[in-house]
Every structure is written in structure tokens, then in C-alpha cells.
C-alpha atoms as a PDB file:
ATOM      1  CA  MET A   1       8.741 -30.086  -8.689  1.00  0.00           C
ATOM      2  CA  ALA A   2      10.767 -30.144  -5.542  1.00  0.00           C
ATOM      3  CA  GLY A   3      11.115 -26.927  -3.117  1.00  0.00           C
ATOM      4  CA  ARG A   4      10.960 -25.736   0.066  1.00  0.00           C
ATOM      5  CA  LEU A   5       6.702 -26.548  -0.162  1.00  0.00           C
ATOM      6  CA  ALA A   6       7.063 -29.486  -2.405  1.00  0.00           C
ATOM      7  CA  GLY A   7       3.589 -31.225  -1.959  1.00  0.00           C
ATOM      8  CA  LYS A   8       2.256 -28.449  -0.187  1.00  0.00           C
ATOM      9  CA  VAL A   9      -1.116 -26.780  -1.889  1.00  0.00           C
ATOM     10  CA  ALA A  10      -1.560 -23.222  -0.929  1.00  0.00           C
ATOM     11  CA  PHE A  11      -4.906 -20.811  -2.083  1.00  0.00           C
ATOM     12  CA  ILE A  12      -4.450 -17.108  -2.121  1.00  0.00           C
ATOM     13  CA  THR A  13      -7.508 -14.314  -2.245  1.00  0.00           C
ATOM     14  CA  GLY A  14      -6.066 -11.660  -4.580  1.00  0.00           C
ATOM     15  CA  ALA A  15      -3.605 -13.047  -6.832  1.00  0.00           C
ATOM     16  CA  ALA A  16      -4.943 -12.231 -10.131  1.00  0.00           C
ATOM     17  CA  ALA A  17      -2.012  -9.499  -9.536  1.00  0.00           C
ATOM     18  CA  GLY A  18       0.518  -7.786  -7.826  1.00  0.00           C
ATOM     19  CA  ILE A  19       1.068  -9.193  -4.555  1.00  0.00           C
ATOM     20  CA  GLY A  20      -0.998 -12.254  -4.502  1.00  0.00           C
ATOM     21  CA  ARG A  21       0.605 -12.936  -8.015  1.00  0.00           C
ATOM     22  CA  ASP A  22       3.978 -12.632  -7.561  1.00  0.00           C
ATOM     23  CA  THR A  23       2.990 -14.936  -3.999  1.00  0.00           C
ATOM     24  CA  ALA A  24       1.739 -17.098  -6.555  1.00  0.00           C
ATOM     25  CA  LEU A  25       4.249 -17.762  -8.574  1.00  0.00           C
ATOM     26  CA  ALA A  26       7.244 -17.775  -5.459  1.00  0.00           C
ATOM     27  CA  PHE A  27       4.692 -20.706  -4.423  1.00  0.00           C
ATOM     28  CA  ALA A  28       5.023 -22.338  -7.269  1.00  0.00           C
ATOM     29  CA  ARG A  29       7.987 -21.907  -7.775  1.00  0.00           C
ATOM     30  CA  GLU A  30       9.231 -23.953  -4.726  1.00  0.00           C
ATOM     31  CA  GLY A  31       6.733 -27.049  -5.638  1.00  0.00           C
ATOM     32  CA  ALA A  32       3.636 -26.030  -4.127  1.00  0.00           C
ATOM     33  CA  THR A  33       0.328 -26.598  -6.072  1.00  0.00           C
ATOM     34  CA  VAL A  34      -1.744 -23.691  -6.212  1.00  0.00           C
ATOM     35  CA  ALA A  35      -5.605 -22.248  -6.296  1.00  0.00           C
ATOM     36  CA  VAL A  36      -5.477 -18.727  -7.457  1.00  0.00           C
ATOM     37  CA  LEU A  37      -8.598 -17.736  -6.107  1.00  0.00           C
ATOM     38  CA  ASP A  38      -9.672 -13.621  -8.029  1.00  0.00           C
ATOM     39  CA  VAL A  39     -13.023 -11.768  -8.108  1.00  0.00           C
ATOM     40  CA  ARG A  40     -10.740 -11.081 -11.869  1.00  0.00           C
ATOM     41  CA  LEU A  41     -10.836 -14.737 -13.557  1.00  0.00           C
ATOM     42  CA  GLU A  42      -9.817 -13.917 -16.233  1.00  0.00           C
ATOM     43  CA  ARG A  43      -6.668 -11.934 -15.026  1.00  0.00           C
ATOM     44  CA  SER A  44      -6.168 -15.626 -12.891  1.00  0.00           C
ATOM     45  CA  LYS A  45      -6.349 -16.978 -16.032  1.00  0.00           C
ATOM     46  CA  GLN A  46      -3.472 -15.182 -16.820  1.00  0.00           C
ATOM     47  CA  THR A  47      -1.342 -16.046 -12.743  1.00  0.00           C
ATOM     48  CA  VAL A  48      -2.531 -19.866 -13.362  1.00  0.00           C
ATOM     49  CA  ASP A  49      -0.986 -19.806 -17.197  1.00  0.00           C
ATOM     50  CA  LEU A  50       2.315 -17.767 -15.689  1.00  0.00           C
ATOM     51  CA  ILE A  51       1.845 -20.880 -13.413  1.00  0.00           C
ATOM     52  CA  ARG A  52       1.906 -23.368 -15.980  1.00  0.00           C
ATOM     53  CA  GLU A  53       4.915 -22.677 -18.611  1.00  0.00           C
ATOM     54  CA  ALA A  54       6.874 -22.914 -15.544  1.00  0.00           C
ATOM     55  CA  GLY A  55       6.582 -25.944 -14.965  1.00  0.00           C
ATOM     56  CA  GLY A  56       3.901 -25.261 -12.102  1.00  0.00           C
ATOM     57  CA  ARG A  57       0.231 -27.206 -11.162  1.00  0.00           C
ATOM     58  CA  SER A  58      -2.390 -24.705 -10.528  1.00  0.00           C
ATOM     59  CA  GLU A  59      -6.117 -23.685 -11.354  1.00  0.00           C
ATOM     60  CA  ALA A  60      -8.072 -20.683 -11.127  1.00  0.00           C
ATOM     61  CA  PHE A  61     -11.709 -19.710  -8.956  1.00  0.00           C
ATOM     62  CA  GLU A  62     -13.795 -16.869  -9.329  1.00  0.00           C
ATOM     63  CA  VAL A  63     -15.209 -15.485  -6.070  1.00  0.00           C
ATOM     64  CA  ASP A  64     -15.986 -12.475  -4.395  1.00  0.00           C
ATOM     65  CA  VAL A  65     -14.988 -12.742  -1.160  1.00  0.00           C
ATOM     66  CA  ARG A  66     -17.306 -10.320   0.187  1.00  0.00           C
ATOM     67  CA  ASP A  67     -20.117 -13.597  -0.374  1.00  0.00           C
ATOM     68  CA  ASN A  68     -19.611 -16.039   1.856  1.00  0.00           C
ATOM     69  CA  GLY A  69     -21.892 -18.937  -0.549  1.00  0.00           C
ATOM     70  CA  GLN A  70     -19.194 -17.830  -3.336  1.00  0.00           C
ATOM     71  CA  VAL A  71     -16.309 -18.082  -0.806  1.00  0.00           C
ATOM     72  CA  GLU A  72     -17.685 -21.335   0.321  1.00  0.00           C
ATOM     73  CA  ALA A  73     -17.969 -22.376  -3.558  1.00  0.00           C
ATOM     74  CA  ALA A  74     -14.819 -21.506  -4.325  1.00  0.00           C
ATOM     75  CA  ILE A  75     -13.100 -23.103  -1.086  1.00  0.00           C
ATOM     76  CA  ALA A  76     -15.136 -26.964  -2.029  1.00  0.00           C
ATOM     77  CA  ALA A  77     -14.489 -26.509  -6.048  1.00  0.00           C
ATOM     78  CA  ALA A  78     -10.575 -25.776  -4.957  1.00  0.00           C
ATOM     79  CA  MET A  79     -10.245 -28.720  -2.557  1.00  0.00           C
ATOM     80  CA  GLY A  80     -12.403 -30.379  -4.993  1.00  0.00           C
ATOM     81  CA  ALA A  81      -9.524 -30.543  -7.382  1.00  0.00           C
ATOM     82  CA  PHE A  82      -6.435 -30.628  -4.950  1.00  0.00           C
ATOM     83  CA  GLY A  83      -7.645 -32.083  -1.236  1.00  0.00           C
ATOM     84  CA  ARG A  84      -5.921 -30.662   0.961  1.00  0.00           C
ATOM     85  CA  VAL A  85      -4.800 -26.498   1.820  1.00  0.00           C
ATOM     86  CA  ASP A  86      -1.453 -26.472   3.464  1.00  0.00           C
ATOM     87  CA  VAL A  87      -1.054 -22.896   3.027  1.00  0.00           C
ATOM     88  CA  LEU A  88      -3.848 -19.582   3.244  1.00  0.00           C
ATOM     89  CA  MET A  89      -3.311 -16.042   1.469  1.00  0.00           C
ATOM     90  CA  ASN A  90      -5.623 -13.784   2.335  1.00  0.00           C
ATOM     91  CA  ASP A  91      -4.206 -11.279   0.444  1.00  0.00           C
ATOM     92  CA  ALA A  92      -6.845  -9.432  -1.564  1.00  0.00           C
ATOM     93  CA  GLY A  93      -8.038  -6.311  -0.543  1.00  0.00           C
ATOM     94  CA  THR A  94      -9.019  -2.576  -1.704  1.00  0.00           C
ATOM     95  CA  THR A  95      -8.997   1.030  -0.773  1.00  0.00           C
ATOM     96  CA  ARG A  96     -11.432   4.053  -0.939  1.00  0.00           C
ATOM     97  CA  PRO A  97     -10.472   7.280   0.436  1.00  0.00           C
ATOM     98  CA  GLY A  98     -12.189   8.727   3.020  1.00  0.00           C
ATOM     99  CA  SER A  99     -11.703  10.077   6.981  1.00  0.00           C
ATOM    100  CA  VAL A 100     -14.479   9.629   9.024  1.00  0.00           C
ATOM    101  CA  VAL A 101     -16.858  12.504   8.089  1.00  0.00           C
ATOM    102  CA  ASP A 102     -16.365  12.032   4.440  1.00  0.00           C
ATOM    103  CA  CYS A 103     -16.289   8.478   3.394  1.00  0.00           C
ATOM    104  CA  THR A 104     -19.590   7.196   2.269  1.00  0.00           C
ATOM    105  CA  LEU A 105     -21.766   4.281   3.834  1.00  0.00           C
ATOM    106  CA  GLU A 106     -21.031   2.564   1.207  1.00  0.00           C
ATOM    107  CA  ASP A 107     -17.565   2.569   0.602  1.00  0.00           C
ATOM    108  CA  TRP A 108     -17.135   2.081   4.172  1.00  0.00           C
ATOM    109  CA  ASP A 109     -19.157  -1.261   3.657  1.00  0.00           C
ATOM    110  CA  MET A 110     -16.688  -1.910   0.629  1.00  0.00           C
ATOM    111  CA  VAL A 111     -13.469  -1.924   3.032  1.00  0.00           C
ATOM    112  CA  ILE A 112     -14.487  -3.509   5.645  1.00  0.00           C
ATOM    113  CA  ASP A 113     -16.193  -6.081   3.194  1.00  0.00           C
ATOM    114  CA  VAL A 114     -13.210  -6.788   1.180  1.00  0.00           C
ATOM    115  CA  ASN A 115     -10.665  -6.674   3.228  1.00  0.00           C
ATOM    116  CA  LEU A 116     -12.000  -7.278   7.269  1.00  0.00           C
ATOM    117  CA  LYS A 117     -15.117  -9.642   6.426  1.00  0.00           C
ATOM    118  CA  GLY A 118     -13.279 -11.168   3.201  1.00  0.00           C
ATOM    119  CA  THR A 119     -10.468 -12.045   5.466  1.00  0.00           C
ATOM    120  CA  PHE A 120     -12.853 -13.497   8.135  1.00  0.00           C
ATOM    121  CA  LEU A 121     -15.312 -15.530   5.956  1.00  0.00           C
ATOM    122  CA  VAL A 122     -11.848 -17.638   3.406  1.00  0.00           C
ATOM    123  CA  SER A 123     -10.387 -18.125   6.426  1.00  0.00           C
ATOM    124  CA  ARG A 124     -13.683 -19.796   7.903  1.00  0.00           C
ATOM    125  CA  ALA A 125     -14.082 -21.741   5.335  1.00  0.00           C
ATOM    126  CA  VAL A 126     -10.087 -23.464   4.963  1.00  0.00           C
ATOM    127  CA  VAL A 127      -9.383 -23.490   8.840  1.00  0.00           C
ATOM    128  CA  PRO A 128     -11.476 -26.228   9.159  1.00  0.00           C
ATOM    129  CA  HIS A 129     -10.015 -28.971   6.538  1.00  0.00           C
ATOM    130  CA  MET A 130      -6.347 -27.611   8.358  1.00  0.00           C
ATOM    131  CA  LEU A 131      -7.935 -28.884  11.352  1.00  0.00           C
ATOM    132  CA  GLU A 132      -8.910 -31.737  10.488  1.00  0.00           C
ATOM    133  CA  GLN A 133      -5.495 -32.199   8.657  1.00  0.00           C
ATOM    134  CA  GLY A 134      -3.862 -30.449  11.848  1.00  0.00           C
ATOM    135  CA  SER A 135      -1.957 -28.563  10.006  1.00  0.00           C
ATOM    136  CA  GLY A 136      -1.280 -25.008   7.661  1.00  0.00           C
ATOM    137  CA  SER A 137      -0.074 -21.850   7.740  1.00  0.00           C
ATOM    138  CA  VAL A 138      -2.776 -18.639   7.354  1.00  0.00           C
ATOM    139  CA  ILE A 139      -0.747 -15.380   5.856  1.00  0.00           C
ATOM    140  CA  ASN A 140      -2.829 -12.698   6.590  1.00  0.00           C
ATOM    141  CA  ILE A 141      -2.407  -9.196   3.752  1.00  0.00           C
ATOM    142  CA  GLY A 142      -2.617  -6.450   7.068  1.00  0.00           C
ATOM    143  CA  SER A 143      -0.388  -2.893   5.980  1.00  0.00           C
ATOM    144  CA  VAL A 144       1.229  -0.450   8.433  1.00  0.00           C
ATOM    145  CA  SER A 145      -1.723   1.405   7.545  1.00  0.00           C
ATOM    146  CA  GLY A 146      -3.225  -1.012   9.946  1.00  0.00           C
ATOM    147  CA  MET A 147      -0.679   0.400  12.758  1.00  0.00           C
ATOM    148  CA  ARG A 148      -0.094   3.679  12.189  1.00  0.00           C
ATOM    149  CA  GLY A 149      -2.398   6.268  11.114  1.00  0.00           C
ATOM    150  CA  ASP A 150      -3.710   7.609   7.059  1.00  0.00           C
ATOM    151  CA  HIS A 151      -4.648  10.564   6.666  1.00  0.00           C
ATOM    152  CA  ASN A 152      -8.337  10.336   4.562  1.00  0.00           C
ATOM    153  CA  ALA A 153      -8.267   6.761   4.845  1.00  0.00           C
ATOM    154  CA  ALA A 154     -10.877   5.847   7.657  1.00  0.00           C
ATOM    155  CA  ALA A 155     -11.349   2.380   6.972  1.00  0.00           C
ATOM    156  CA  TYR A 156      -8.726   1.005   5.640  1.00  0.00           C
ATOM    157  CA  ASN A 157      -7.055   2.058   8.251  1.00  0.00           C
ATOM    158  CA  ALA A 158      -9.891   0.442   9.908  1.00  0.00           C
ATOM    159  CA  ALA A 159     -10.331  -2.227   8.347  1.00  0.00           C
ATOM    160  CA  LYS A 160      -5.621  -3.357   8.678  1.00  0.00           C
ATOM    161  CA  ALA A 161      -6.682  -2.713  11.635  1.00  0.00           C
ATOM    162  CA  GLY A 162      -8.916  -5.089  12.838  1.00  0.00           C
ATOM    163  CA  VAL A 163      -7.079  -7.579  10.133  1.00  0.00           C
ATOM    164  CA  ILE A 164      -4.342  -7.869  12.248  1.00  0.00           C
ATOM    165  CA  ASN A 165      -5.794  -8.873  15.227  1.00  0.00           C
ATOM    166  CA  LEU A 166      -8.410 -11.182  13.079  1.00  0.00           C
ATOM    167  CA  THR A 167      -4.754 -12.547  12.956  1.00  0.00           C
ATOM    168  CA  ARG A 168      -3.851 -12.725  16.850  1.00  0.00           C
ATOM    169  CA  SER A 169      -7.084 -14.814  17.390  1.00  0.00           C
ATOM    170  CA  MET A 170      -6.534 -17.054  15.305  1.00  0.00           C
ATOM    171  CA  ALA A 171      -2.889 -17.583  15.756  1.00  0.00           C
ATOM    172  CA  VAL A 172      -4.561 -17.947  19.826  1.00  0.00           C
ATOM    173  CA  ASP A 173      -7.412 -20.709  18.468  1.00  0.00           C
ATOM    174  CA  PHE A 174      -5.523 -22.643  16.349  1.00  0.00           C
ATOM    175  CA  GLY A 175      -2.100 -22.735  17.232  1.00  0.00           C
ATOM    176  CA  ARG A 176      -2.318 -25.704  20.281  1.00  0.00           C
ATOM    177  CA  ARG A 177      -3.668 -27.784  17.120  1.00  0.00           C
ATOM    178  CA  GLY A 178      -1.086 -26.889  14.234  1.00  0.00           C
ATOM    179  CA  ILE A 179      -2.436 -24.162  12.838  1.00  0.00           C
ATOM    180  CA  ARG A 180      -0.256 -21.298  12.201  1.00  0.00           C
ATOM    181  CA  ALA A 181      -1.465 -17.938  11.436  1.00  0.00           C
ATOM    182  CA  ASN A 182       0.954 -14.808  11.329  1.00  0.00           C
ATOM    183  CA  CYS A 183       0.411 -11.329   9.634  1.00  0.00           C
ATOM    184  CA  ILE A 184       2.446  -9.661   6.464  1.00  0.00           C
ATOM    185  CA  CYS A 185       2.090  -5.587   7.147  1.00  0.00           C
ATOM    186  CA  PRO A 186       3.186  -4.051   3.703  1.00  0.00           C
ATOM    187  CA  GLY A 187       3.884  -0.243   3.385  1.00  0.00           C
ATOM    188  CA  GLY A 188       5.339   1.717   0.531  1.00  0.00           C
ATOM    189  CA  ILE A 189       5.262  -0.946  -2.593  1.00  0.00           C
ATOM    190  CA  GLY A 190       4.740  -0.540  -5.877  1.00  0.00           C
ATOM    191  CA  THR A 191       1.933  -2.441  -7.188  1.00  0.00           C
ATOM    192  CA  PRO A 192       0.643  -1.559 -10.368  1.00  0.00           C
ATOM    193  CA  VAL A 193      -2.390   0.251  -8.713  1.00  0.00           C
ATOM    194  CA  ILE A 194      -0.107   1.514  -6.936  1.00  0.00           C
ATOM    195  CA  LEU A 195       1.585   2.737  -9.558  1.00  0.00           C
ATOM    196  CA  ARG A 196      -1.706   3.785 -11.832  1.00  0.00           C
ATOM    197  CA  ALA A 197      -3.050   5.802  -8.464  1.00  0.00           C
ATOM    198  CA  ILE A 198      -0.498   7.573  -7.275  1.00  0.00           C
ATOM    199  CA  THR A 199       1.955  10.817  -9.213  1.00  0.00           C
ATOM    200  CA  GLU A 200       5.692  10.789  -9.317  1.00  0.00           C
ATOM    201  CA  ALA A 201       5.231  13.299  -6.354  1.00  0.00           C
ATOM    202  CA  GLY A 202       3.365  10.570  -3.913  1.00  0.00           C
ATOM    203  CA  ARG A 203       6.454   7.562  -4.501  1.00  0.00           C
ATOM    204  CA  ALA A 204       9.073  10.474  -4.101  1.00  0.00           C
ATOM    205  CA  ALA A 205       6.903  11.649  -0.622  1.00  0.00           C
ATOM    206  CA  ILE A 206       7.113   8.319   0.386  1.00  0.00           C
ATOM    207  CA  SER A 207      10.691   6.908  -1.022  1.00  0.00           C
ATOM    208  CA  ARG A 208      11.860  10.579   1.038  1.00  0.00           C
ATOM    209  CA  ASN A 209       9.482   8.658   4.372  1.00  0.00           C
ATOM    210  CA  THR A 210      11.013   5.287   4.625  1.00  0.00           C
ATOM    211  CA  PRO A 211      14.068   4.760   5.215  1.00  0.00           C
ATOM    212  CA  THR A 212      15.323   2.365   2.623  1.00  0.00           C
ATOM    213  CA  GLY A 213      14.691   5.659   1.227  1.00  0.00           C
ATOM    214  CA  ARG A 214      12.759   3.124  -1.864  1.00  0.00           C
ATOM    215  CA  LEU A 215       9.213   1.580  -2.920  1.00  0.00           C
ATOM    216  CA  GLY A 216       8.898  -1.853  -2.069  1.00  0.00           C
ATOM    217  CA  GLU A 217       8.175  -3.859  -5.375  1.00  0.00           C
ATOM    218  CA  PRO A 218       5.705  -7.121  -4.488  1.00  0.00           C
ATOM    219  CA  GLY A 219       8.048  -9.787  -5.257  1.00  0.00           C
ATOM    220  CA  GLU A 220       9.972  -9.239  -1.856  1.00  0.00           C
ATOM    221  CA  ILE A 221       6.783  -9.684   0.454  1.00  0.00           C
ATOM    222  CA  ALA A 222       6.008 -12.730  -1.634  1.00  0.00           C
ATOM    223  CA  ASN A 223       9.936 -13.352  -0.081  1.00  0.00           C
ATOM    224  CA  LEU A 224       8.221 -12.677   2.565  1.00  0.00           C
ATOM    225  CA  ALA A 225       5.355 -15.056   2.097  1.00  0.00           C
ATOM    226  CA  LEU A 226       7.747 -17.756   1.311  1.00  0.00           C
ATOM    227  CA  PHE A 227       9.253 -18.287   4.803  1.00  0.00           C
ATOM    228  CA  LEU A 228       6.097 -18.136   6.728  1.00  0.00           C
ATOM    229  CA  ALA A 229       3.947 -20.759   4.370  1.00  0.00           C
ATOM    230  CA  SER A 230       7.370 -22.687   4.458  1.00  0.00           C
ATOM    231  CA  ASP A 231       8.564 -25.152   7.257  1.00  0.00           C
ATOM    232  CA  GLU A 232      11.272 -23.176   7.906  1.00  0.00           C
ATOM    233  CA  SER A 233       9.438 -21.188   9.877  1.00  0.00           C
ATOM    234  CA  SER A 234       6.896 -23.456  12.651  1.00  0.00           C
ATOM    235  CA  TYR A 235       7.723 -21.389  15.862  1.00  0.00           C
ATOM    236  CA  VAL A 236       6.735 -18.414  14.484  1.00  0.00           C
ATOM    237  CA  ASN A 237       2.522 -18.244  15.331  1.00  0.00           C
ATOM    238  CA  GLY A 238       0.865 -14.972  15.741  1.00  0.00           C
ATOM    239  CA  ALA A 239       3.753 -13.035  14.343  1.00  0.00           C
ATOM    240  CA  ILE A 240       2.477  -8.793  12.974  1.00  0.00           C
ATOM    241  CA  ILE A 241       5.810  -8.606  10.767  1.00  0.00           C
ATOM    242  CA  PRO A 242       6.480  -4.666   8.548  1.00  0.00           C
ATOM    243  CA  ALA A 243       7.871  -4.995   4.904  1.00  0.00           C
ATOM    244  CA  ASP A 244       7.931  -1.420   5.077  1.00  0.00           C
ATOM    245  CA  GLY A 245      11.342  -0.796   4.098  1.00  0.00           C
ATOM    246  CA  GLY A 246      11.745   0.397   8.245  1.00  0.00           C
ATOM    247  CA  LEU A 247       8.698   3.386   7.115  1.00  0.00           C
ATOM    248  CA  THR A 248       7.644   2.127  11.142  1.00  0.00           C
ATOM    249  CA  ALA A 249      10.716   2.388  12.899  1.00  0.00           C
ATOM    250  CA  TRP A 250      11.363   5.399  11.721  1.00  0.00           C
ATOM    251  CA  ASN A 251      10.365   8.636  14.087  1.00  0.00           C
ATOM    252  CA  GLY A 252      10.184  11.225  11.584  1.00  0.00           C
ATOM    253  CA  ILE A 253      12.249  13.115  12.934  1.00  0.00           C
ATOM    254  CA  PRO A 254      15.490  14.309  10.122  1.00  0.00           C
ATOM    255  CA  GLY A 255      18.609  12.772  10.302  1.00  0.00           C
END
């Protein structure tokens, strides 16, 4: 299959749904072989089926990114299946509400472990393979919530801020060895989880506070990830890129 990612192998966490699934499909359309990594194995297999139906190559690997043993086993299995890894996208994530007063220790650990520790563990397992090859692109999914503060989201804000600076650290450490690391920071995106979680009033508020006047689509994040995965972005390293419809550009003063 020809395309912008022809011959490349991509590992994507959180690829069972939402941004991860749309990215897996976009990468496959452009010729990549895709390892679908997610804790939800049955939904991962649905992503794989969609890729295969379109003529692509893909396998599903069950993994809880909080568990180092599972991460190492899943990455070893994916390397055994495909033999190399050119692109890693760390998309697995979760959130729980709460300020520093209200957030429980269990919720704090869950959010930090999935979003930040998971990005660390998967990267730690994958990057050595990229270093052996002398090339690779790491794409971490941050959030505008890691760039600005949200009401009642202490753990998520902290976790995504950590992902942003972890990305910079990786870019600095490995740039001279052929590995690029960049971070996409979505704003309000209409993923299934978000659409189920917020009310119509909440959707309207996000749209009202976003200069483009609407929620984004998962496929729009996938398009940006596709650029960062491709050789077209060969001089992009350590970039923190908002994909938020202009949300972080606006000072909030009405026009």
C-alpha cells in the first residue's frame, strides 16, 4: 500500500476508540502497518478489522499502560510481529474530576499513572528499538489542559503538563540520534467519551469559547499526527502544538 507512511510501522496506544482509532485508520490509509495497543482488547480488534477491511495490516495487543510488565510484554509481542517501529503515538489517557482538595488519592494515581506514567513506560520500552534503527517519531498526546488550568481538574492538568515537558526532554535527549518527539495538545474534541460526558449546554459553552466556534473532530487530530509521523516533519522536534480551534490564542475578552 503506497502512501506517506509506506513501509513504516506505527505503535498507537489508546487506539481502540476516539483520536487513537482515527489516527490508526489514517496511518493505515497512508501505508503504515499499525500495532493497536489498548486495555480494551475487543474494541482494539474492531480497529484492526477496519484497517484490514481497507487493505491494511494491523494487529491488536492488550496492555494496561500503568503496568510495566504488561507494557514490556506488549511491545515485545508487537516487535516480534512486525520487526521494527518507526512511529510511536502515546494516546492512552483518562481523567477524573476534582480540585486538590476534592481529588481522591485513588483518582490522582489513576490519572497520573495512565496519562503520564503510561507515556513514560511505553516510551521507555519503544525508544531503544528506535535507537537501534537510528530513526523514529514519537507523538505524545497532551492537552490544552496541560498548558492552561481547568476548573476541578487538578490531576488531569498536572498529568498533561507532565506529558508536555516529558516530550521536550525526549526531544533533547534523542534528537541527535535520529529520534524526534513532539506533543499534540487537543482542545475540545468530539470523541465518543467527551460527547457522552458533557451536556448540550457544555458543548455549547466549549463552542462559544473557541474562536472557530465548534468542537474539533478526532480525524483533525489524526491529520496532524500523520504529518508528525511522516518524513515531511523531519525538522520538527520538541514542538508543543495546540490543535484547539484557537482556544489558547484567545485572551477571553469578547469581541
